[in-house]
């Protein structure tokens, strides 16, 4: 009788251990699935962000020295990211690059430069989330915030004013390279990787000859 009861206790104990092990494996598998899903969505946002940066650079290149070049660039970036509902544009930098594969100057990515709206020494205009939202919401109303004559002290693109960019092919130094840096916050669903994942991309293109000339 005792041996039978002992065997039953052993079986119950084994079933209990099996349930605990199954639960642990299930939690691990669910965690892996969630992490895979989150990384997949972030990868999708990364591809979209890269395409948006290229779209912005193409517009900046083709608009050249037109006074609304930066506004058109921001609108192109925002349009490219419209399908990414889980991402927020945190920063767009339009900058002068020394080479075709140049990176955005580090000074253009600081909090102080973001607050100022750009850096004259680094030749970059920096657009914040709030400013981008203004441009997208009211393109016509925000046109006056772009320099044109490059003499204003409150214009949004005054740090590297579009009409001062070089679109003359045979000039000293040649055509300017214009870069567009886009930074987004991809919101996560599970919070496995925190509330959001920061994704950055840069695209540089040479300004087209005579682009933007009236």
Protein backbone atom coordinates (compact mmCIF):
# COMPACT_ATOMS: atom_id res chain seq x y z
CA UNK A 1 0.00 0.00 0.00
CA UNK A 2 2.79 2.36 0.92
CA UNK A 3 4.63 1.69 -2.34
CA UNK A 4 1.49 2.53 -4.31
CA UNK A 5 1.04 5.82 -2.47
CA UNK A 6 4.70 6.59 -2.96
CA UNK A 7 4.44 5.97 -6.69
CA UNK A 8 1.40 8.28 -6.87
CA UNK A 9 3.27 11.00 -5.04
CA UNK A 10 6.20 10.62 -7.42
CA UNK A 11 3.88 10.87 -10.43
CA UNK A 12 2.21 14.01 -9.03
CA UNK A 13 5.62 15.49 -8.35
CA UNK A 14 6.76 14.71 -11.90
CA UNK A 15 3.60 16.25 -13.34
CA UNK A 16 4.17 19.37 -11.24
CA UNK A 17 7.77 19.66 -12.45
CA UNK A 18 6.61 19.15 -16.04
CA UNK A 19 4.02 21.91 -15.69
CA UNK A 20 6.59 24.30 -14.25
CA UNK A 21 9.05 23.49 -17.04
CA UNK A 22 6.34 23.90 -19.68
CA UNK A 23 5.38 27.28 -18.24
CA UNK A 24 9.01 28.42 -18.24
CA UNK A 25 9.52 27.30 -21.85
CA UNK A 26 6.24 28.95 -22.90
CA UNK A 27 7.30 32.26 -21.33
CA UNK A 28 10.66 32.04 -23.12
CA UNK A 29 9.03 31.25 -26.47
CA UNK A 30 6.50 34.09 -26.10
CA UNK A 31 9.33 36.49 -25.20
CA UNK A 32 11.28 35.43 -28.30
CA UNK A 33 8.19 35.84 -30.49
CA UNK A 34 7.46 39.29 -29.07
CA UNK A 35 11.09 40.39 -29.48
CA UNK A 36 11.12 39.09 -33.05
CA UNK A 37 7.92 40.98 -33.83
CA UNK A 38 9.28 44.20 -32.30
CA UNK A 39 12.55 43.95 -34.20
CA UNK A 40 10.68 43.20 -37.42
CA UNK A 41 8.52 46.30 -37.03
CA UNK A 42 11.58 48.40 -36.17
CA UNK A 43 13.36 47.04 -39.26
CA UNK A 44 10.35 48.04 -41.37
CA UNK A 45 10.45 51.54 -39.88
CA UNK A 46 14.19 51.68 -40.56
CA UNK A 47 13.65 50.90 -44.25
CA UNK A 48 10.89 53.50 -44.47
CA UNK A 49 13.08 56.07 -42.70
CA UNK A 50 15.94 55.47 -45.15
CA UNK A 51 13.57 55.95 -48.07
CA UNK A 52 12.19 59.15 -46.50
CA UNK A 53 15.71 60.54 -46.06
CA UNK A 54 16.48 59.81 -49.72
CA UNK A 55 13.21 61.44 -50.78
CA UNK A 56 14.12 64.54 -48.80
CA UNK A 57 17.60 64.67 -50.30
CA UNK A 58 16.21 64.31 -53.82
CA UNK A 59 13.88 67.25 -53.24
CA UNK A 60 16.67 69.36 -51.70
CA UNK A 61 18.88 68.53 -54.68
CA UNK A 62 16.26 69.31 -57.32
CA UNK A 63 14.99 72.49 -55.59
CA UNK A 64 18.52 73.83 -55.20
CA UNK A 65 18.53 77.53 -54.37
CA UNK A 66 14.75 78.03 -54.32
CA UNK A 67 13.74 79.85 -51.15
CA UNK A 68 11.26 77.15 -50.08
CA UNK A 69 13.69 74.28 -50.57
CA UNK A 70 13.84 73.31 -46.89
CA UNK A 71 10.07 73.43 -46.53
CA UNK A 72 9.67 71.15 -49.56
CA UNK A 73 12.33 68.84 -48.10
CA UNK A 74 10.50 68.54 -44.77
CA UNK A 75 7.21 67.85 -46.53
CA UNK A 76 8.86 65.11 -48.61
CA UNK A 77 10.33 63.46 -45.50
CA UNK A 78 7.01 63.62 -43.66
CA UNK A 79 5.16 62.17 -46.65
CA UNK A 80 7.66 59.32 -46.83
CA UNK A 81 7.07 58.44 -43.19
CA UNK A 82 3.28 58.75 -43.27
CA UNK A 83 2.81 55.00 -43.56
CA UNK A 84 4.78 54.43 -40.35
CA UNK A 85 2.05 55.10 -37.82
CA UNK A 86 4.16 53.82 -34.94
CA UNK A 87 6.96 56.37 -35.47
CA UNK A 88 7.37 60.03 -34.59
CA UNK A 89 9.84 62.30 -36.39
CA UNK A 90 12.07 63.71 -33.67
CA UNK A 91 14.55 65.63 -35.82
CA UNK A 92 15.38 66.52 -39.42
CA UNK A 93 18.69 68.18 -40.28
CA UNK A 94 19.39 69.76 -43.67
CA UNK A 95 23.14 70.25 -43.88
CA UNK A 96 26.01 70.99 -46.21
CA UNK A 97 28.20 67.93 -46.76
CA UNK A 98 31.80 67.99 -47.91
CA UNK A 99 31.48 64.68 -49.76
CA UNK A 100 28.89 62.44 -51.38
CA UNK A 101 28.89 60.09 -48.39
CA UNK A 102 29.42 62.65 -45.64
CA UNK A 103 27.85 62.38 -42.19
CA UNK A 104 25.87 65.08 -40.47
CA UNK A 105 28.21 67.28 -38.34
CA UNK A 106 28.11 66.22 -34.70
CA UNK A 107 27.44 69.81 -33.60
CA UNK A 108 24.18 69.72 -35.56
CA UNK A 109 22.87 66.91 -33.34
CA UNK A 110 23.32 68.54 -29.94
CA UNK A 111 20.42 69.70 -27.78
CA UNK A 112 21.69 73.29 -27.95
CA UNK A 113 21.71 73.29 -31.76
CA UNK A 114 18.23 71.75 -31.83
CA UNK A 115 16.98 74.48 -29.51
CA UNK A 116 18.65 77.19 -31.65
CA UNK A 117 17.32 75.71 -34.88
CA UNK A 118 20.69 75.15 -36.49
CA UNK A 119 24.35 76.14 -36.68
CA UNK A 120 25.87 78.71 -39.04
CA UNK A 121 29.41 77.41 -38.52
CA UNK A 122 28.37 73.84 -39.36
CA UNK A 123 25.99 74.94 -42.15
CA UNK A 124 22.93 73.08 -40.94
CA UNK A 125 19.26 73.82 -40.33
CA UNK A 126 17.69 71.67 -37.60
CA UNK A 127 13.95 71.06 -37.47
CA UNK A 128 12.31 69.79 -34.28
CA UNK A 129 9.19 67.66 -33.93
CA UNK A 130 7.08 70.74 -33.20
CA UNK A 131 8.44 72.72 -36.14
CA UNK A 132 7.96 69.78 -38.52
CA UNK A 133 4.37 69.44 -37.31
CA UNK A 134 3.79 73.14 -38.06
CA UNK A 135 5.14 72.81 -41.59
CA UNK A 136 3.08 69.70 -42.33
CA UNK A 137 -0.11 71.14 -40.84
CA UNK A 138 0.16 74.55 -42.54
CA UNK A 139 2.49 74.60 -45.57
CA UNK A 140 1.12 77.89 -46.88
CA UNK A 141 1.13 79.63 -43.51
CA UNK A 142 4.73 78.62 -42.76
CA UNK A 143 6.21 79.80 -46.07
CA UNK A 144 7.07 83.16 -44.53
CA UNK A 145 9.42 81.43 -42.09
CA UNK A 146 11.91 80.61 -44.84
CA UNK A 147 14.54 83.20 -45.65
CA UNK A 148 14.57 83.86 -49.37
CA UNK A 149 16.89 86.87 -49.10
CA UNK A 150 19.00 85.24 -46.34
CA UNK A 151 19.10 88.41 -44.26
CA UNK A 152 16.58 87.52 -41.55
CA UNK A 153 17.46 86.63 -37.97
CA UNK A 154 14.39 84.56 -37.20
CA UNK A 155 13.96 82.54 -40.39
CA UNK A 156 14.01 78.78 -39.91
CA UNK A 157 16.60 78.08 -42.63
CA UNK A 158 18.91 81.02 -41.89
CA UNK A 159 21.84 78.88 -40.76
CA UNK A 160 22.33 77.48 -44.28
CA UNK A 161 20.01 79.56 -46.38
CA UNK A 162 18.89 77.84 -49.59
CA UNK A 163 19.62 80.77 -51.96
CA UNK A 164 23.26 80.79 -50.77
CA UNK A 165 23.83 77.16 -51.80
CA UNK A 166 26.00 76.56 -54.85
CA UNK A 167 24.17 75.27 -57.93
CA UNK A 168 26.79 76.43 -60.44
CA UNK A 169 28.55 73.40 -61.88
CA UNK A 170 31.71 75.13 -63.14
CA UNK A 171 32.26 77.28 -60.07
CA UNK A 172 35.19 76.91 -57.67
CA UNK A 173 34.50 73.85 -55.52
CA UNK A 174 31.69 72.73 -57.76
CA UNK A 175 28.11 72.03 -56.82
CA UNK A 176 27.25 71.78 -53.13
CA UNK A 177 26.37 68.46 -51.54
CA UNK A 178 23.14 68.68 -49.55
CA UNK A 179 22.51 66.15 -46.82
CA UNK A 180 19.28 65.22 -45.07
CA UNK A 181 19.44 63.48 -41.69
CA UNK A 182 16.21 62.01 -40.34
CA UNK A 183 15.72 60.72 -36.80
CA UNK A 184 12.56 58.97 -35.67
CA UNK A 185 11.30 57.34 -32.47
CA UNK A 186 9.72 53.99 -33.28
CA UNK A 187 7.17 53.22 -30.57
CA UNK A 188 7.23 49.67 -29.22
CA UNK A 189 4.17 47.64 -28.29
CA UNK A 190 5.57 45.27 -25.70
CA UNK A 191 8.13 47.64 -24.11
CA UNK A 192 10.69 44.82 -24.30
CA UNK A 193 13.16 47.33 -25.75
CA UNK A 194 11.81 50.31 -23.84
CA UNK A 195 9.06 52.74 -24.86
CA UNK A 196 10.69 53.47 -28.22
CA UNK A 197 13.63 52.66 -30.49
CA UNK A 198 15.58 55.54 -32.03
CA UNK A 199 16.23 55.09 -35.75
CA UNK A 200 18.51 57.39 -37.77
CA UNK A 201 19.38 57.68 -41.44
CA UNK A 202 21.24 60.13 -43.68
CA UNK A 203 21.15 60.71 -47.42
CA UNK A 204 23.46 63.05 -49.36
CA UNK A 205 23.06 64.24 -52.94
CA UNK A 206 24.73 66.89 -55.09
CA UNK A 207 22.58 69.89 -55.95
CA UNK A 208 21.51 69.74 -59.55
CA UNK A 209 23.06 72.36 -61.89
CA UNK A 210 20.96 75.54 -61.99
CA UNK A 211 18.37 73.95 -59.70
CA UNK A 212 16.01 76.53 -58.27
CA UNK A 213 17.06 79.36 -60.59
CA UNK A 214 14.13 81.53 -61.60
